[in-house]
Amino acid sequence: MYEVHNSAREMSLDTALVGVSVPLHIGAYTYFVEQGVEIPDELVPPEAGE
């Protein structure tokens, strides 16, 4: 990812969802939940069933 855009160097779990405005893919959602990231309600995918 660093080769595509230098800003990728600043990405972390703490900042990964900053600026995201659409629900996550269920796989991404599951990953973030497993990592202990708090997911805002508007980013929870419908198929997550929350």
PDB file of N, CA and C in Angstrom:
ATOM      1  N   MET A   1       0.818  -1.196   0.000  1.00  0.00           N
ATOM      2  CA  MET A   1       0.000   0.000   0.000  1.00  0.00           C
ATOM      3  C   MET A   1       0.864   1.264   0.000  1.00  0.00           C
ATOM      4  N   TYR A   2       2.046   1.172   0.609  1.00  0.00           N
ATOM      5  CA  TYR A   2       2.901   2.359   0.664  1.00  0.00           C
ATOM      6  C   TYR A   2       3.277   2.849  -0.725  1.00  0.00           C
ATOM      7  N   GLU A   3       3.375   1.942  -1.682  1.00  0.00           N
ATOM      8  CA  GLU A   3       3.739   2.320  -3.039  1.00  0.00           C
ATOM      9  C   GLU A   3       2.603   3.046  -3.750  1.00  0.00           C
ATOM     10  N   VAL A   4       1.378   2.796  -3.335  1.00  0.00           N
ATOM     11  CA  VAL A   4       0.225   3.439  -3.966  1.00  0.00           C
ATOM     12  C   VAL A   4       0.064   4.866  -3.454  1.00  0.00           C
ATOM     13  N   HIS A   5       0.200   5.025  -2.139  1.00  0.00           N
ATOM     14  CA  HIS A   5       0.039   6.365  -1.567  1.00  0.00           C
ATOM     15  C   HIS A   5       0.789   6.461  -0.255  1.00  0.00           C
ATOM     16  N   ASN A   6       1.589   7.505  -0.101  1.00  0.00           N
ATOM     17  CA  ASN A   6       2.392   7.677   1.107  1.00  0.00           C
ATOM     18  C   ASN A   6       1.566   7.787   2.378  1.00  0.00           C
ATOM     19  N   SER A   7       0.335   8.248   2.277  1.00  0.00           N
ATOM     20  CA  SER A   7      -0.490   8.398   3.475  1.00  0.00           C
ATOM     21  C   SER A   7      -0.788   7.053   4.134  1.00  0.00           C
ATOM     22  N   ALA A   8      -0.602   5.961   3.410  1.00  0.00           N
ATOM     23  CA  ALA A   8      -0.816   4.635   3.984  1.00  0.00           C
ATOM     24  C   ALA A   8       0.132   4.386   5.154  1.00  0.00           C
ATOM     25  N   ARG A   9       1.256   5.049   5.189  1.00  0.00           N
ATOM     26  CA  ARG A   9       2.205   4.895   6.294  1.00  0.00           C
ATOM     27  C   ARG A   9       1.613   5.370   7.615  1.00  0.00           C
ATOM     28  N   GLU A  10       0.634   6.229   7.557  1.00  0.00           N
ATOM     29  CA  GLU A  10       0.019   6.780   8.760  1.00  0.00           C
ATOM     30  C   GLU A  10      -1.191   5.974   9.228  1.00  0.00           C
ATOM     31  N   MET A  11      -1.565   4.938   8.495  1.00  0.00           N
ATOM     32  CA  MET A  11      -2.734   4.141   8.858  1.00  0.00           C
ATOM     33  C   MET A  11      -2.435   3.256  10.059  1.00  0.00           C
ATOM     34  N   SER A  12      -3.424   3.122  10.902  1.00  0.00           N
ATOM     35  CA  SER A  12      -3.348   2.216  12.045  1.00  0.00           C
ATOM     36  C   SER A  12      -4.769   1.794  12.383  1.00  0.00           C
ATOM     37  N   LEU A  13      -4.910   0.846  13.279  1.00  0.00           N
ATOM     38  CA  LEU A  13      -6.256   0.448  13.691  1.00  0.00           C
ATOM     39  C   LEU A  13      -7.003   1.623  14.317  1.00  0.00           C
ATOM     40  N   ASP A  14      -6.268   2.511  14.982  1.00  0.00           N
ATOM     41  CA  ASP A  14      -6.907   3.665  15.622  1.00  0.00           C
ATOM     42  C   ASP A  14      -7.478   4.656  14.618  1.00  0.00           C
ATOM     43  N   THR A  15      -6.913   4.701  13.416  1.00  0.00           N
ATOM     44  CA  THR A  15      -7.350   5.690  12.434  1.00  0.00           C
ATOM     45  C   THR A  15      -7.987   5.083  11.189  1.00  0.00           C
ATOM     46  N   ALA A  16      -8.059   3.776  11.120  1.00  0.00           N
ATOM     47  CA  ALA A  16      -8.507   3.098   9.896  1.00  0.00           C
ATOM     48  C   ALA A  16      -9.914   3.494   9.459  1.00  0.00           C
ATOM     49  N   LEU A  17     -10.781   3.825  10.390  1.00  0.00           N
ATOM     50  CA  LEU A  17     -12.170   4.121  10.027  1.00  0.00           C
ATOM     51  C   LEU A  17     -12.465   5.622   9.927  1.00  0.00           C
ATOM     52  N   VAL A  18     -11.460   6.448  10.154  1.00  0.00           N
ATOM     53  CA  VAL A  18     -11.646   7.892  10.055  1.00  0.00           C
ATOM     54  C   VAL A  18     -11.991   8.253   8.615  1.00  0.00           C
ATOM     55  N   GLY A  19     -13.090   8.930   8.433  1.00  0.00           N
ATOM     56  CA  GLY A  19     -13.509   9.361   7.110  1.00  0.00           C
ATOM     57  C   GLY A  19     -14.332   8.355   6.338  1.00  0.00           C
ATOM     58  N   VAL A  20     -14.504   7.149   6.868  1.00  0.00           N
ATOM     59  CA  VAL A  20     -15.325   6.140   6.188  1.00  0.00           C
ATOM     60  C   VAL A  20     -16.791   6.530   6.373  1.00  0.00           C
ATOM     61  N   SER A  21     -17.535   6.535   5.284  1.00  0.00           N
ATOM     62  CA  SER A  21     -18.925   7.001   5.372  1.00  0.00           C
ATOM     63  C   SER A  21     -19.948   5.973   4.891  1.00  0.00           C
ATOM     64  N   VAL A  22     -19.493   4.798   4.507  1.00  0.00           N
ATOM     65  CA  VAL A  22     -20.400   3.741   4.046  1.00  0.00           C
ATOM     66  C   VAL A  22     -20.194   2.504   4.926  1.00  0.00           C
ATOM     67  N   PRO A  23     -21.212   1.669   5.058  1.00  0.00           N
ATOM     68  CA  PRO A  23     -21.054   0.455   5.868  1.00  0.00           C
ATOM     69  C   PRO A  23     -19.888  -0.397   5.375  1.00  0.00           C
ATOM     70  N   LEU A  24     -19.232  -1.031   6.326  1.00  0.00           N
ATOM     71  CA  LEU A  24     -18.086  -1.882   6.016  1.00  0.00           C
ATOM     72  C   LEU A  24     -18.511  -3.174   5.340  1.00  0.00           C
ATOM     73  N   HIS A  25     -17.611  -3.761   4.586  1.00  0.00           N
ATOM     74  CA  HIS A  25     -17.787  -5.117   4.081  1.00  0.00           C
ATOM     75  C   HIS A  25     -17.809  -6.026   5.311  1.00  0.00           C
ATOM     76  N   ILE A  26     -18.577  -7.099   5.290  1.00  0.00           N
ATOM     77  CA  ILE A  26     -18.713  -7.973   6.450  1.00  0.00           C
ATOM     78  C   ILE A  26     -17.355  -8.530   6.886  1.00  0.00           C
ATOM     79  N   GLY A  27     -16.472  -8.797   5.956  1.00  0.00           N
ATOM     80  CA  GLY A  27     -15.134  -9.292   6.308  1.00  0.00           C
ATOM     81  C   GLY A  27     -14.314  -8.245   7.048  1.00  0.00           C
ATOM     82  N   ALA A  28     -14.380  -7.007   6.573  1.00  0.00           N
ATOM     83  CA  ALA A  28     -13.672  -5.918   7.243  1.00  0.00           C
ATOM     84  C   ALA A  28     -14.277  -5.679   8.618  1.00  0.00           C
ATOM     85  N   TYR A  29     -15.580  -5.705   8.689  1.00  0.00           N
ATOM     86  CA  TYR A  29     -16.276  -5.529   9.972  1.00  0.00           C
ATOM     87  C   TYR A  29     -15.822  -6.591  10.970  1.00  0.00           C
ATOM     88  N   THR A  30     -15.809  -7.843  10.542  1.00  0.00           N
ATOM     89  CA  THR A  30     -15.399  -8.943  11.421  1.00  0.00           C
ATOM     90  C   THR A  30     -13.965  -8.745  11.884  1.00  0.00           C
ATOM     91  N   TYR A  31     -13.080  -8.359  10.990  1.00  0.00           N
ATOM     92  CA  TYR A  31     -11.682  -8.118  11.352  1.00  0.00           C
ATOM     93  C   TYR A  31     -11.574  -7.032  12.416  1.00  0.00           C
ATOM     94  N   PHE A  32     -12.217  -5.901  12.173  1.00  0.00           N
ATOM     95  CA  PHE A  32     -12.116  -4.800  13.127  1.00  0.00           C
ATOM     96  C   PHE A  32     -12.701  -5.177  14.486  1.00  0.00           C
ATOM     97  N   VAL A  33     -13.805  -5.892  14.493  1.00  0.00           N
ATOM     98  CA  VAL A  33     -14.395  -6.347  15.756  1.00  0.00           C
ATOM     99  C   VAL A  33     -13.413  -7.267  16.480  1.00  0.00           C
ATOM    100  N   GLU A  34     -12.812  -8.198  15.760  1.00  0.00           N
ATOM    101  CA  GLU A  34     -11.840  -9.119  16.363  1.00  0.00           C
ATOM    102  C   GLU A  34     -10.630  -8.382  16.927  1.00  0.00           C
ATOM    103  N   GLN A  35     -10.298  -7.243  16.343  1.00  0.00           N
ATOM    104  CA  GLN A  35      -9.159  -6.448  16.812  1.00  0.00           C
ATOM    105  C   GLN A  35      -9.541  -5.519  17.956  1.00  0.00           C
ATOM    106  N   GLY A  36     -10.827  -5.494  18.305  1.00  0.00           N
ATOM    107  CA  GLY A  36     -11.279  -4.664  19.418  1.00  0.00           C
ATOM    108  C   GLY A  36     -11.594  -3.231  19.052  1.00  0.00           C
ATOM    109  N   VAL A  37     -11.746  -2.960  17.760  1.00  0.00           N
ATOM    110  CA  VAL A  37     -12.073  -1.611  17.300  1.00  0.00           C
ATOM    111  C   VAL A  37     -13.565  -1.383  17.479  1.00  0.00           C
ATOM    112  N   GLU A  38     -13.922  -0.246  18.064  1.00  0.00           N
ATOM    113  CA  GLU A  38     -15.337   0.107  18.210  1.00  0.00           C
ATOM    114  C   GLU A  38     -15.859   0.613  16.867  1.00  0.00           C
ATOM    115  N   ILE A  39     -16.920  -0.012  16.386  1.00  0.00           N
ATOM    116  CA  ILE A  39     -17.482   0.324  15.078  1.00  0.00           C
ATOM    117  C   ILE A  39     -18.695   1.233  15.268  1.00  0.00           C
ATOM    118  N   PRO A  40     -18.673   2.433  14.694  1.00  0.00           N
ATOM    119  CA  PRO A  40     -19.841   3.304  14.771  1.00  0.00           C
ATOM    120  C   PRO A  40     -21.049   2.624  14.114  1.00  0.00           C
ATOM    121  N   ASP A  41     -22.232   2.859  14.642  1.00  0.00           N
ATOM    122  CA  ASP A  41     -23.449   2.219  14.142  1.00  0.00           C
ATOM    123  C   ASP A  41     -23.630   2.369  12.635  1.00  0.00           C
ATOM    124  N   GLU A  42     -23.292   3.533  12.100  1.00  0.00           N
ATOM    125  CA  GLU A  42     -23.517   3.771  10.667  1.00  0.00           C
ATOM    126  C   GLU A  42     -22.558   2.973   9.780  1.00  0.00           C
ATOM    127  N   LEU A  43     -21.531   2.382  10.354  1.00  0.00           N
ATOM    128  CA  LEU A  43     -20.584   1.586   9.567  1.00  0.00           C
ATOM    129  C   LEU A  43     -20.822   0.086   9.678  1.00  0.00           C
ATOM    130  N   VAL A  44     -21.750  -0.318  10.546  1.00  0.00           N
ATOM    131  CA  VAL A  44     -22.063  -1.741  10.707  1.00  0.00           C
ATOM    132  C   VAL A  44     -22.828  -2.209   9.472  1.00  0.00           C
ATOM    133  N   PRO A  45     -22.342  -3.250   8.804  1.00  0.00           N
ATOM    134  CA  PRO A  45     -23.051  -3.739   7.612  1.00  0.00           C
ATOM    135  C   PRO A  45     -24.373  -4.404   8.001  1.00  0.00           C
ATOM    136  N   PRO A  46     -25.386  -4.289   7.157  1.00  0.00           N
ATOM    137  CA  PRO A  46     -26.702  -4.867   7.470  1.00  0.00           C
ATOM    138  C   PRO A  46     -26.629  -6.358   7.786  1.00  0.00           C
ATOM    139  N   GLU A  47     -25.763  -7.091   7.093  1.00  0.00           N
ATOM    140  CA  GLU A  47     -25.680  -8.528   7.308  1.00  0.00           C
ATOM    141  C   GLU A  47     -25.027  -8.909   8.642  1.00  0.00           C
ATOM    142  N   ALA A  48     -24.524  -7.914   9.389  1.00  0.00           N
ATOM    143  CA  ALA A  48     -23.927  -8.199  10.693  1.00  0.00           C
ATOM    144  C   ALA A  48     -24.998  -8.523  11.724  1.00  0.00           C
ATOM    145  N   GLY A  49     -26.238  -8.114  11.447  1.00  0.00           N
ATOM    146  CA  GLY A  49     -27.361  -8.461  12.304  1.00  0.00           C
ATOM    147  C   GLY A  49     -27.355  -7.821  13.679  1.00  0.00           C
ATOM    148  N   GLU A  50     -26.717  -6.676  13.800  1.00  0.00           N
ATOM    149  CA  GLU A  50     -26.706  -5.993  15.116  1.00  0.00           C
ATOM    150  C   GLU A  50     -27.919  -5.129  15.281  1.00  0.00           C
TER     151      GLU A  50
END
